[in-house]
C-alpha atoms as a PDB file:
ATOM      1  CA  UNK A   1     329.778  14.686 343.754  1.00  0.00           C
ATOM      2  CA  UNK A   2     332.819  12.675 343.489  1.00  0.00           C
ATOM      3  CA  UNK A   3     333.471   9.413 341.578  1.00  0.00           C
ATOM      4  CA  UNK A   4     334.929   7.860 344.252  1.00  0.00           C
ATOM      5  CA  UNK A   5     335.718   8.700 347.959  1.00  0.00           C
ATOM      6  CA  UNK A   6     339.357   6.502 349.208  1.00  0.00           C
ATOM      7  CA  UNK A   7     339.238   6.429 353.272  1.00  0.00           C
ATOM      8  CA  UNK A   8     342.621   5.837 354.442  1.00  0.00           C
ATOM      9  CA  UNK A   9     342.903   4.910 358.043  1.00  0.00           C
ATOM     10  CA  UNK A  10     346.145   6.596 359.695  1.00  0.00           C
ATOM     11  CA  UNK A  11     348.022   4.962 362.795  1.00  0.00           C
ATOM     12  CA  UNK A  12     351.745   4.238 363.387  1.00  0.00           C
ATOM     13  CA  UNK A  13     352.709   4.352 359.830  1.00  0.00           C
ATOM     14  CA  UNK A  14     355.577   6.749 359.484  1.00  0.00           C
ATOM     15  CA  UNK A  15     357.755   4.316 357.806  1.00  0.00           C
ATOM     16  CA  UNK A  16     355.097   3.421 354.840  1.00  0.00           C
ATOM     17  CA  UNK A  17     352.553   6.367 354.465  1.00  0.00           C
ATOM     18  CA  UNK A  18     354.732   7.951 351.881  1.00  0.00           C
ATOM     19  CA  UNK A  19     354.291   5.425 349.956  1.00  0.00           C
ATOM     20  CA  UNK A  20     350.789   4.703 350.109  1.00  0.00           C
ATOM     21  CA  UNK A  21     350.101   8.571 349.760  1.00  0.00           C
ATOM     22  CA  UNK A  22     352.460   9.004 346.424  1.00  0.00           C
ATOM     23  CA  UNK A  23     350.487   5.661 344.828  1.00  0.00           C
ATOM     24  CA  UNK A  24     347.035   7.683 345.752  1.00  0.00           C
ATOM     25  CA  UNK A  25     348.013  10.768 344.564  1.00  0.00           C
ATOM     26  CA  UNK A  26     349.645   9.015 341.228  1.00  0.00           C
ATOM     27  CA  UNK A  27     346.065   7.859 340.358  1.00  0.00           C
ATOM     28  CA  UNK A  28     344.791   8.969 336.582  1.00  0.00           C
ATOM     29  CA  UNK A  29     340.998   9.284 337.488  1.00  0.00           C
ATOM     30  CA  UNK A  30     339.559  13.062 338.052  1.00  0.00           C
ATOM     31  CA  UNK A  31     336.901  13.347 340.764  1.00  0.00           C
ATOM     32  CA  UNK A  32     338.627  11.580 343.556  1.00  0.00           C
ATOM     33  CA  UNK A  33     337.556  12.628 346.880  1.00  0.00           C
ATOM     34  CA  UNK A  34     340.278  11.441 349.389  1.00  0.00           C
ATOM     35  CA  UNK A  35     339.540  10.851 353.252  1.00  0.00           C
ATOM     36  CA  UNK A  36     342.647  10.750 355.741  1.00  0.00           C
ATOM     37  CA  UNK A  37     341.592  10.089 359.296  1.00  0.00           C
ATOM     38  CA  UNK A  38     343.867  10.084 361.972  1.00  0.00           C
ATOM     39  CA  UNK A  39     343.222   7.520 364.606  1.00  0.00           C
ATOM     40  CA  UNK A  40     345.250   9.535 366.620  1.00  0.00           C
ATOM     41  CA  UNK A  41     348.544   8.189 365.604  1.00  0.00           C
ATOM     42  CA  UNK A  42     351.676   8.863 367.925  1.00  0.00           C
ATOM     43  CA  UNK A  43     354.280   9.110 365.228  1.00  0.00           C
ATOM     44  CA  UNK A  44     355.185  11.610 362.567  1.00  0.00           C
ATOM     45  CA  UNK A  45     352.617  10.102 360.006  1.00  0.00           C
ATOM     46  CA  UNK A  46     350.312  12.933 359.546  1.00  0.00           C
ATOM     47  CA  UNK A  47     353.364  15.492 359.206  1.00  0.00           C
ATOM     48  CA  UNK A  48     354.360  13.217 356.640  1.00  0.00           C
ATOM     49  CA  UNK A  49     351.117  13.102 355.097  1.00  0.00           C
ATOM     50  CA  UNK A  50     350.407  17.062 354.876  1.00  0.00           C
ATOM     51  CA  UNK A  51     354.115  17.716 353.667  1.00  0.00           C
ATOM     52  CA  UNK A  52     353.168  15.204 350.486  1.00  0.00           C
ATOM     53  CA  UNK A  53     349.706  17.083 350.062  1.00  0.00           C
ATOM     54  CA  UNK A  54     351.524  20.398 349.750  1.00  0.00           C
ATOM     55  CA  UNK A  55     354.018  18.848 347.103  1.00  0.00           C
ATOM     56  CA  UNK A  56     351.168  17.354 345.497  1.00  0.00           C
ATOM     57  CA  UNK A  57     348.737  20.655 345.188  1.00  0.00           C
ATOM     58  CA  UNK A  58     348.806  21.461 341.525  1.00  0.00           C
ATOM     59  CA  UNK A  59     347.966  17.718 340.455  1.00  0.00           C
ATOM     60  CA  UNK A  60     345.128  17.803 343.386  1.00  0.00           C
ATOM     61  CA  UNK A  61     343.775  21.186 341.826  1.00  0.00           C
ATOM     62  CA  UNK A  62     344.467  19.861 338.182  1.00  0.00           C
ATOM     63  CA  UNK A  63     342.575  16.560 338.573  1.00  0.00           C
ATOM     64  CA  UNK A  64     339.585  17.876 340.572  1.00  0.00           C
ATOM     65  CA  UNK A  65     340.251  16.439 343.924  1.00  0.00           C
ATOM     66  CA  UNK A  66     339.137  16.677 347.224  1.00  0.00           C
ATOM     67  CA  UNK A  67     341.567  15.885 350.384  1.00  0.00           C
ATOM     68  CA  UNK A  68     340.261  15.895 353.556  1.00  0.00           C
ATOM     69  CA  UNK A  69     342.013  15.307 356.832  1.00  0.00           C
ATOM     70  CA  UNK A  70     340.206  14.174 360.220  1.00  0.00           C
ATOM     71  CA  UNK A  71     340.546  12.949 363.250  1.00  0.00           C
ATOM     72  CA  UNK A  72     339.154  10.411 365.703  1.00  0.00           C
ATOM     73  CA  UNK A  73     338.781  11.940 369.459  1.00  0.00           C
ATOM     74  CA  UNK A  74     340.425   9.125 370.941  1.00  0.00           C
ATOM     75  CA  UNK A  75     342.480   6.021 369.362  1.00  0.00           C
ATOM     76  CA  UNK A  76     339.512   3.908 367.935  1.00  0.00           C
ATOM     77  CA  UNK A  77     341.060   1.327 366.037  1.00  0.00           C
ATOM     78  CA  UNK A  78     340.214   0.353 361.922  1.00  0.00           C
ATOM     79  CA  UNK A  79     337.082  -0.673 362.036  1.00  0.00           C
ATOM     80  CA  UNK A  80     335.848   2.553 363.774  1.00  0.00           C
ATOM     81  CA  UNK A  81     338.092   4.630 361.912  1.00  0.00           C
ATOM     82  CA  UNK A  82     336.620   3.456 358.414  1.00  0.00           C
ATOM     83  CA  UNK A  83     332.993   3.943 359.470  1.00  0.00           C
ATOM     84  CA  UNK A  84     333.815   7.534 360.801  1.00  0.00           C
ATOM     85  CA  UNK A  85     335.271   7.664 357.124  1.00  0.00           C
ATOM     86  CA  UNK A  86     331.942   6.442 355.385  1.00  0.00           C
ATOM     87  CA  UNK A  87     330.087   9.232 357.142  1.00  0.00           C
ATOM     88  CA  UNK A  88     332.214  11.470 355.788  1.00  0.00           C
ATOM     89  CA  UNK A  89     332.090  10.226 351.950  1.00  0.00           C
ATOM     90  CA  UNK A  90     330.066  11.643 349.342  1.00  0.00           C
ATOM     91  CA  UNK A  91     331.447   9.483 346.614  1.00  0.00           C
ATOM     92  CA  UNK A  92     329.484   7.514 344.077  1.00  0.00           C
ATOM     93  CA  UNK A  93     331.337   4.625 344.883  1.00  0.00           C
ATOM     94  CA  UNK A  94     333.617   3.823 348.349  1.00  0.00           C
ATOM     95  CA  UNK A  95     336.995   2.406 348.280  1.00  0.00           C
ATOM     96  CA  UNK A  96     339.588   1.689 351.515  1.00  0.00           C
ATOM     97  CA  UNK A  97     343.035   1.551 351.257  1.00  0.00           C
ATOM     98  CA  UNK A  98     345.084   0.665 354.182  1.00  0.00           C
ATOM     99  CA  UNK A  99     348.128   3.230 354.713  1.00  0.00           C
ATOM    100  CA  UNK A 100     350.836   0.610 354.724  1.00  0.00           C
ATOM    101  CA  UNK A 101     350.038  -1.060 351.386  1.00  0.00           C
ATOM    102  CA  UNK A 102     349.883   0.741 348.227  1.00  0.00           C
ATOM    103  CA  UNK A 103     347.664   0.481 344.442  1.00  0.00           C
ATOM    104  CA  UNK A 104     348.668   0.736 340.841  1.00  0.00           C
ATOM    105  CA  UNK A 105     348.245   3.966 339.251  1.00  0.00           C
ATOM    106  CA  UNK A 106     345.143   3.098 337.175  1.00  0.00           C
ATOM    107  CA  UNK A 107     343.205   1.080 339.806  1.00  0.00           C
ATOM    108  CA  UNK A 108     340.350   3.305 340.691  1.00  0.00           C
ATOM    109  CA  UNK A 109     340.175   4.723 337.126  1.00  0.00           C
ATOM    110  CA  UNK A 110     339.831   1.035 336.324  1.00  0.00           C
ATOM    111  CA  UNK A 111     337.354   0.189 338.526  1.00  0.00           C
ATOM    112  CA  UNK A 112     335.435   2.876 338.334  1.00  0.00           C
ATOM    113  CA  UNK A 113     335.123   3.160 334.441  1.00  0.00           C
ATOM    114  CA  UNK A 114     333.743  -0.777 334.486  1.00  0.00           C
ATOM    115  CA  UNK A 115     331.512  -0.011 337.770  1.00  0.00           C
ATOM    116  CA  UNK A 116     330.307   3.074 336.058  1.00  0.00           C
ATOM    117  CA  UNK A 117     329.967   1.041 332.460  1.00  0.00           C
ATOM    118  CA  UNK A 118     327.852  -1.414 334.126  1.00  0.00           C
ATOM    119  CA  UNK A 119     326.118   0.266 336.829  1.00  0.00           C
ATOM    120  CA  UNK A 120     327.677  -2.281 339.046  1.00  0.00           C
ATOM    121  CA  UNK A 121     327.139  -2.901 343.150  1.00  0.00           C
ATOM    122  CA  UNK A 122     331.007  -3.934 343.242  1.00  0.00           C
ATOM    123  CA  UNK A 123     334.148  -4.050 341.334  1.00  0.00           C
ATOM    124  CA  UNK A 124     336.660  -6.811 342.339  1.00  0.00           C
ATOM    125  CA  UNK A 125     340.804  -6.821 341.468  1.00  0.00           C
ATOM    126  CA  UNK A 126     343.310  -9.660 341.934  1.00  0.00           C
ATOM    127  CA  UNK A 127     346.210  -8.561 344.520  1.00  0.00           C
ATOM    128  CA  UNK A 128     349.740  -9.281 345.191  1.00  0.00           C
ATOM    129  CA  UNK A 129     351.086 -10.319 349.028  1.00  0.00           C
ATOM    130  CA  UNK A 130     354.176  -8.849 349.712  1.00  0.00           C
ATOM    131  CA  UNK A 131     356.256 -10.434 352.263  1.00  0.00           C
ATOM    132  CA  UNK A 132     360.153 -11.041 352.981  1.00  0.00           C
ATOM    133  CA  UNK A 133     361.159  -9.663 349.406  1.00  0.00           C
ATOM    134  CA  UNK A 134     358.423 -12.281 347.698  1.00  0.00           C
ATOM    135  CA  UNK A 135     355.533 -12.041 345.664  1.00  0.00           C
ATOM    136  CA  UNK A 136     352.968 -13.981 345.972  1.00  0.00           C
ATOM    137  CA  UNK A 137     349.705 -12.986 343.377  1.00  0.00           C
ATOM    138  CA  UNK A 138     346.099 -13.796 344.407  1.00  0.00           C
ATOM    139  CA  UNK A 139     342.861 -13.945 342.043  1.00  0.00           C
ATOM    140  CA  UNK A 140     340.115 -11.811 343.330  1.00  0.00           C
ATOM    141  CA  UNK A 141     337.319 -13.827 342.058  1.00  0.00           C
ATOM    142  CA  UNK A 142     336.741 -17.292 340.780  1.00  0.00           C
ATOM    143  CA  UNK A 143     332.462 -17.078 340.391  1.00  0.00           C
ATOM    144  CA  UNK A 144     330.806 -15.344 337.621  1.00  0.00           C
ATOM    145  CA  UNK A 145     327.987 -13.626 339.348  1.00  0.00           C
ATOM    146  CA  UNK A 146     326.897 -11.921 342.825  1.00  0.00           C
ATOM    147  CA  UNK A 147     325.731 -14.961 344.328  1.00  0.00           C
ATOM    148  CA  UNK A 148     328.166 -17.708 343.673  1.00  0.00           C
ATOM    149  CA  UNK A 149     330.912 -14.844 344.722  1.00  0.00           C
ATOM    150  CA  UNK A 150     329.187 -14.475 348.184  1.00  0.00           C
ATOM    151  CA  UNK A 151     329.447 -18.252 348.935  1.00  0.00           C
ATOM    152  CA  UNK A 152     333.106 -18.401 347.520  1.00  0.00           C
ATOM    153  CA  UNK A 153     333.641 -15.465 349.808  1.00  0.00           C
ATOM    154  CA  UNK A 154     332.203 -17.348 352.794  1.00  0.00           C
ATOM    155  CA  UNK A 155     333.787 -20.653 352.100  1.00  0.00           C
ATOM    156  CA  UNK A 156     337.292 -19.195 351.953  1.00  0.00           C
ATOM    157  CA  UNK A 157     337.891 -19.722 348.110  1.00  0.00           C
ATOM    158  CA  UNK A 158     338.207 -16.051 347.977  1.00  0.00           C
ATOM    159  CA  UNK A 159     339.199 -13.251 349.728  1.00  0.00           C
ATOM    160  CA  UNK A 160     337.148 -11.129 352.015  1.00  0.00           C
ATOM    161  CA  UNK A 161     339.518  -8.198 352.390  1.00  0.00           C
ATOM    162  CA  UNK A 162     337.762  -4.665 351.248  1.00  0.00           C
ATOM    163  CA  UNK A 163     340.885  -3.169 349.840  1.00  0.00           C
ATOM    164  CA  UNK A 164     340.133  -5.158 346.554  1.00  0.00           C
ATOM    165  CA  UNK A 165     337.049  -4.461 346.371  1.00  0.00           C
ATOM    166  CA  UNK A 166     335.532  -0.988 345.121  1.00  0.00           C
ATOM    167  CA  UNK A 167     331.518  -1.127 346.434  1.00  0.00           C
ATOM    168  CA  UNK A 168     328.666   1.381 345.663  1.00  0.00           C
ATOM    169  CA  UNK A 169     328.191   3.713 348.704  1.00  0.00           C
ATOM    170  CA  UNK A 170     324.794   3.099 349.022  1.00  0.00           C
ATOM    171  CA  UNK A 171     325.285  -0.146 350.289  1.00  0.00           C
ATOM    172  CA  UNK A 172     326.679   0.638 353.220  1.00  0.00           C
ATOM    173  CA  UNK A 173     323.246   2.165 354.296  1.00  0.00           C
ATOM    174  CA  UNK A 174     321.959  -1.402 355.164  1.00  0.00           C
ATOM    175  CA  UNK A 175     324.900  -3.282 356.956  1.00  0.00           C
ATOM    176  CA  UNK A 176     325.688  -3.325 360.728  1.00  0.00           C
ATOM    177  CA  UNK A 177     329.469  -2.443 361.688  1.00  0.00           C
ATOM    178  CA  UNK A 178     331.437  -4.071 364.144  1.00  0.00           C
ATOM    179  CA  UNK A 179     331.631  -2.771 367.462  1.00  0.00           C
ATOM    180  CA  UNK A 180     334.791  -0.054 368.343  1.00  0.00           C
ATOM    181  CA  UNK A 181     337.744  -2.233 368.988  1.00  0.00           C
ATOM    182  CA  UNK A 182     336.238  -5.199 367.272  1.00  0.00           C
ATOM    183  CA  UNK A 183     339.328  -4.849 364.416  1.00  0.00           C
ATOM    184  CA  UNK A 184     340.026  -8.776 363.904  1.00  0.00           C
ATOM    185  CA  UNK A 185     337.363 -10.164 360.972  1.00  0.00           C
ATOM    186  CA  UNK A 186     336.198  -6.564 360.624  1.00  0.00           C
ATOM    187  CA  UNK A 187     336.894  -7.126 356.949  1.00  0.00           C
ATOM    188  CA  UNK A 188     334.784  -9.998 356.997  1.00  0.00           C
ATOM    189  CA  UNK A 189     331.953  -8.876 359.047  1.00  0.00           C
ATOM    190  CA  UNK A 190     331.348  -5.801 356.533  1.00  0.00           C
ATOM    191  CA  UNK A 191     332.405  -7.375 353.216  1.00  0.00           C
ATOM    192  CA  UNK A 192     329.622 -10.653 353.792  1.00  0.00           C
ATOM    193  CA  UNK A 193     327.355  -8.212 354.588  1.00  0.00           C
ATOM    194  CA  UNK A 194     327.859  -6.316 351.599  1.00  0.00           C
ATOM    195  CA  UNK A 195     328.252  -8.928 348.679  1.00  0.00           C
ATOM    196  CA  UNK A 196     325.368 -10.411 350.412  1.00  0.00           C
ATOM    197  CA  UNK A 197     323.208  -7.074 348.978  1.00  0.00           C
ATOM    198  CA  UNK A 198     325.292  -7.132 345.662  1.00  0.00           C
ATOM    199  CA  UNK A 199     323.518  -7.804 342.747  1.00  0.00           C
ATOM    200  CA  UNK A 200     325.886  -6.925 340.028  1.00  0.00           C
ATOM    201  CA  UNK A 201     329.457  -7.673 340.255  1.00  0.00           C
ATOM    202  CA  UNK A 202     332.276  -7.009 337.770  1.00  0.00           C
ATOM    203  CA  UNK A 203     336.254  -8.443 337.976  1.00  0.00           C
ATOM    204  CA  UNK A 204     339.121  -7.178 336.734  1.00  0.00           C
ATOM    205  CA  UNK A 205     342.081  -9.906 336.293  1.00  0.00           C
ATOM    206  CA  UNK A 206     344.925  -7.656 337.179  1.00  0.00           C
ATOM    207  CA  UNK A 207     346.926  -7.206 340.457  1.00  0.00           C
ATOM    208  CA  UNK A 208     345.975  -4.067 340.956  1.00  0.00           C
ATOM    209  CA  UNK A 209     346.404  -3.552 345.254  1.00  0.00           C
ATOM    210  CA  UNK A 210     349.655  -4.788 346.963  1.00  0.00           C
ATOM    211  CA  UNK A 211     349.623  -6.247 350.571  1.00  0.00           C
ATOM    212  CA  UNK A 212     352.333  -5.397 352.646  1.00  0.00           C
ATOM    213  CA  UNK A 213     353.034  -8.034 355.413  1.00  0.00           C
ATOM    214  CA  UNK A 214     353.728  -5.422 357.741  1.00  0.00           C
ATOM    215  CA  UNK A 215     355.283  -6.776 361.128  1.00  0.00           C
ATOM    216  CA  UNK A 216     354.156  -4.183 363.404  1.00  0.00           C
ATOM    217  CA  UNK A 217     350.465  -4.488 362.845  1.00  0.00           C
ATOM    218  CA  UNK A 218     347.740  -6.123 365.235  1.00  0.00           C
ATOM    219  CA  UNK A 219     347.350  -9.150 363.415  1.00  0.00           C
ATOM    220  CA  UNK A 220     351.000 -10.218 363.982  1.00  0.00           C
ATOM    221  CA  UNK A 221     351.288  -9.506 367.516  1.00  0.00           C
ATOM    222  CA  UNK A 222     352.080 -12.586 369.288  1.00  0.00           C
ATOM    223  CA  UNK A 223     351.857 -12.825 373.081  1.00  0.00           C
ATOM    224  CA  UNK A 224     349.481 -15.045 374.977  1.00  0.00           C
ATOM    225  CA  UNK A 225     346.889 -11.942 375.949  1.00  0.00           C
ATOM    226  CA  UNK A 226     347.430 -10.036 372.476  1.00  0.00           C
ATOM    227  CA  UNK A 227     346.407 -13.490 370.722  1.00  0.00           C
ATOM    228  CA  UNK A 228     343.458 -13.878 373.216  1.00  0.00           C
ATOM    229  CA  UNK A 229     342.271 -10.172 372.231  1.00  0.00           C
ATOM    230  CA  UNK A 230     342.507 -11.211 368.722  1.00  0.00           C
ATOM    231  CA  UNK A 231     340.158 -14.003 368.872  1.00  0.00           C
ATOM    232  CA  UNK A 232     337.831 -12.406 370.954  1.00  0.00           C
ATOM    233  CA  UNK A 233     337.530  -9.670 368.413  1.00  0.00           C
ATOM    234  CA  UNK A 234     336.955 -12.728 365.497  1.00  0.00           C
ATOM    235  CA  UNK A 235     334.558 -13.888 367.762  1.00  0.00           C
ATOM    236  CA  UNK A 236     332.667 -10.895 368.350  1.00  0.00           C
ATOM    237  CA  UNK A 237     332.495 -10.193 364.131  1.00  0.00           C
ATOM    238  CA  UNK A 238     331.396 -13.644 364.030  1.00  0.00           C
ATOM    239  CA  UNK A 239     328.496 -13.392 365.960  1.00  0.00           C
ATOM    240  CA  UNK A 240     327.813 -10.031 364.449  1.00  0.00           C
ATOM    241  CA  UNK A 241     327.117 -11.785 361.476  1.00  0.00           C
ATOM    242  CA  UNK A 242     325.593 -14.697 362.732  1.00  0.00           C
ATOM    243  CA  UNK A 243     322.954 -12.519 364.368  1.00  0.00           C
ATOM    244  CA  UNK A 244     322.644 -10.798 361.284  1.00  0.00           C
ATOM    245  CA  UNK A 245     321.934 -13.265 359.275  1.00  0.00           C
ATOM    246  CA  UNK A 246     319.561 -15.144 361.535  1.00  0.00           C
ATOM    247  CA  UNK A 247     316.227 -14.690 359.820  1.00  0.00           C
ATOM    248  CA  UNK A 248     317.760 -13.537 356.313  1.00  0.00           C
ATOM    249  CA  UNK A 249     316.826 -16.148 353.165  1.00  0.00           C
ATOM    250  CA  UNK A 250     319.587 -17.769 353.097  1.00  0.00           C
ATOM    251  CA  UNK A 251     320.177 -21.443 352.772  1.00  0.00           C
ATOM    252  CA  UNK A 252     321.523 -24.149 355.917  1.00  0.00           C
ATOM    253  CA  UNK A 253     324.899 -24.714 353.998  1.00  0.00           C
ATOM    254  CA  UNK A 254     325.537 -20.737 354.312  1.00  0.00           C
ATOM    255  CA  UNK A 255     324.775 -20.342 357.689  1.00  0.00           C
ATOM    256  CA  UNK A 256     326.764 -23.482 358.501  1.00  0.00           C
ATOM    257  CA  UNK A 257     329.486 -21.849 356.619  1.00  0.00           C
ATOM    258  CA  UNK A 258     329.305 -18.588 358.681  1.00  0.00           C
ATOM    259  CA  UNK A 259     329.479 -20.943 361.989  1.00  0.00           C
ATOM    260  CA  UNK A 260     332.485 -22.644 360.689  1.00  0.00           C
ATOM    261  CA  UNK A 261     334.440 -20.009 360.851  1.00  0.00           C
ATOM    262  CA  UNK A 262     334.799 -20.128 364.526  1.00  0.00           C
ATOM    263  CA  UNK A 263     336.748 -23.056 364.294  1.00  0.00           C
ATOM    264  CA  UNK A 264     338.810 -21.562 361.587  1.00  0.00           C
ATOM    265  CA  UNK A 265     339.728 -18.803 363.807  1.00  0.00           C
ATOM    266  CA  UNK A 266     340.481 -21.245 366.935  1.00  0.00           C
ATOM    267  CA  UNK A 267     342.538 -23.352 364.748  1.00  0.00           C
ATOM    268  CA  UNK A 268     344.649 -20.047 364.148  1.00  0.00           C
ATOM    269  CA  UNK A 269     344.573 -19.008 367.625  1.00  0.00           C
ATOM    270  CA  UNK A 270     345.966 -22.697 368.793  1.00  0.00           C
ATOM    271  CA  UNK A 271     349.087 -22.662 366.289  1.00  0.00           C
ATOM    272  CA  UNK A 272     350.031 -19.524 368.275  1.00  0.00           C
ATOM    273  CA  UNK A 273     349.229 -20.846 371.513  1.00  0.00           C
ATOM    274  CA  UNK A 274     350.800 -24.156 371.055  1.00  0.00           C
ATOM    275  CA  UNK A 275     354.058 -23.544 373.035  1.00  0.00           C
ATOM    276  CA  UNK A 276     353.082 -20.725 375.367  1.00  0.00           C
ATOM    277  CA  UNK A 277     352.527 -23.503 377.834  1.00  0.00           C
ATOM    278  CA  UNK A 278     350.151 -23.365 381.027  1.00  0.00           C
ATOM    279  CA  UNK A 279     349.454 -19.737 380.150  1.00  0.00           C
ATOM    280  CA  UNK A 280     348.509 -21.162 376.670  1.00  0.00           C
ATOM    281  CA  UNK A 281     346.094 -24.060 377.588  1.00  0.00           C
ATOM    282  CA  UNK A 282     344.303 -21.344 380.261  1.00  0.00           C
ATOM    283  CA  UNK A 283     343.234 -19.004 377.541  1.00  0.00           C
ATOM    284  CA  UNK A 284     341.885 -22.206 375.658  1.00  0.00           C
ATOM    285  CA  UNK A 285     339.752 -23.213 377.997  1.00  0.00           C
ATOM    286  CA  UNK A 286     338.386 -19.683 378.629  1.00  0.00           C
ATOM    287  CA  UNK A 287     337.568 -19.664 374.789  1.00  0.00           C
ATOM    288  CA  UNK A 288     335.731 -22.959 374.573  1.00  0.00           C
ATOM    289  CA  UNK A 289     333.601 -22.043 377.573  1.00  0.00           C
ATOM    290  CA  UNK A 290     332.454 -18.699 375.215  1.00  0.00           C
ATOM    291  CA  UNK A 291     331.865 -20.123 372.225  1.00  0.00           C
ATOM    292  CA  UNK A 292     329.726 -23.133 374.129  1.00  0.00           C
ATOM    293  CA  UNK A 293     327.440 -20.679 375.946  1.00  0.00           C
ATOM    294  CA  UNK A 294     327.336 -18.343 372.808  1.00  0.00           C
ATOM    295  CA  UNK A 295     323.793 -18.174 372.148  1.00  0.00           C
ATOM    296  CA  UNK A 296     324.988 -17.076 368.231  1.00  0.00           C
ATOM    297  CA  UNK A 297     326.714 -19.970 367.485  1.00  0.00           C
ATOM    298  CA  UNK A 298     324.634 -22.823 366.604  1.00  0.00           C
ATOM    299  CA  UNK A 299     325.275 -26.968 367.363  1.00  0.00           C
ATOM    300  CA  UNK A 300     326.869 -27.105 364.097  1.00  0.00           C
ATOM    301  CA  UNK A 301     329.252 -24.341 364.847  1.00  0.00           C
ATOM    302  CA  UNK A 302     330.179 -25.798 368.449  1.00  0.00           C
ATOM    303  CA  UNK A 303     330.749 -29.147 367.186  1.00  0.00           C
ATOM    304  CA  UNK A 304     333.182 -27.730 364.387  1.00  0.00           C
ATOM    305  CA  UNK A 305     335.136 -26.013 367.051  1.00  0.00           C
ATOM    306  CA  UNK A 306     335.223 -29.156 369.500  1.00  0.00           C
ATOM    307  CA  UNK A 307     336.581 -31.196 366.647  1.00  0.00           C
ATOM    308  CA  UNK A 308     339.220 -28.605 365.877  1.00  0.00           C
ATOM    309  CA  UNK A 309     339.919 -28.182 369.533  1.00  0.00           C
ATOM    310  CA  UNK A 310     340.326 -32.475 370.186  1.00  0.00           C
ATOM    311  CA  UNK A 311     342.164 -32.719 367.096  1.00  0.00           C
ATOM    312  CA  UNK A 312     345.089 -30.138 368.191  1.00  0.00           C
ATOM    313  CA  UNK A 313     344.667 -30.673 371.786  1.00  0.00           C
ATOM    314  CA  UNK A 314     345.509 -34.317 371.449  1.00  0.00           C
ATOM    315  CA  UNK A 315     347.807 -33.768 368.888  1.00  0.00           C
ATOM    316  CA  UNK A 316     349.836 -31.639 371.059  1.00  0.00           C
ATOM    317  CA  UNK A 317     349.486 -34.031 374.078  1.00  0.00           C
ATOM    318  CA  UNK A 318     351.124 -36.964 371.828  1.00  0.00           C
ATOM    319  CA  UNK A 319     353.736 -34.597 370.949  1.00  0.00           C
ATOM    320  CA  UNK A 320     354.451 -33.439 374.610  1.00  0.00           C
ATOM    321  CA  UNK A 321     354.262 -36.644 376.149  1.00  0.00           C
ATOM    322  CA  UNK A 322     355.488 -39.335 373.800  1.00  0.00           C
ATOM    323  CA  UNK A 323     357.950 -38.115 372.037  1.00  0.00           C
END
């Protein structure tokens, strides 16, 4: 059995995949299982991957690595691809790496050694955000235990990204995965559930993951309907969490925080739609109807949503008519 399974979704990353794969095949840990999942990418990404596997054949053999390539039946989105990769994974721990990013060569070794040494459920590291030639470093966590870290992520004080965390594979057996195509907020939906079940957490105070701001990714699509669809995906994953935690042993403050993410999401949407005119306001009206009619979102969540909408909407009207 492998120590760690690394799952890598592949779609439209021919400009970046070589950098990603080279960093993966430079890892120092033995007994890694690499699972590359082709999400029916239309570009040359898979050819580049095949060439690099051949190039690193000797190292793969020496390190006792297993390299697996699998394909989705149709283009399914990152949430479905990650779930498919997990079904193939056999490692004691699972790590997810986005194929347009890269990791430091000792990342998997350092995280696994700490996890194995202390029998941890999750290990978290710092990360770097690279955009327009500038690099900003972020702490992976500030809390001292798993319970506080769970609350820290819920409050937005630490990232809910899956790519700076190494989880025990068995933890994934107890979560509900996002529906197919629900990719926005997918990390939030998965990581919050995983952290809820974690008892022991470890932390490495190093930026071992490098997040590349890919302007071509789905998160950077700015058309009105792309923004609308992004919110619907966020909304779906928030409702997934609210449904899942409805009867769990969590306090009201934690439930309120889950509900608050609806207001957070609409705030981001509004900033994108504010200059799109009538079409943007029409979209906002439709989203508001959906939120207010939701059986999952509490009165607190709906109230926060309306407060955010009113503040943004009235500010927009003042700017538009009283300049």
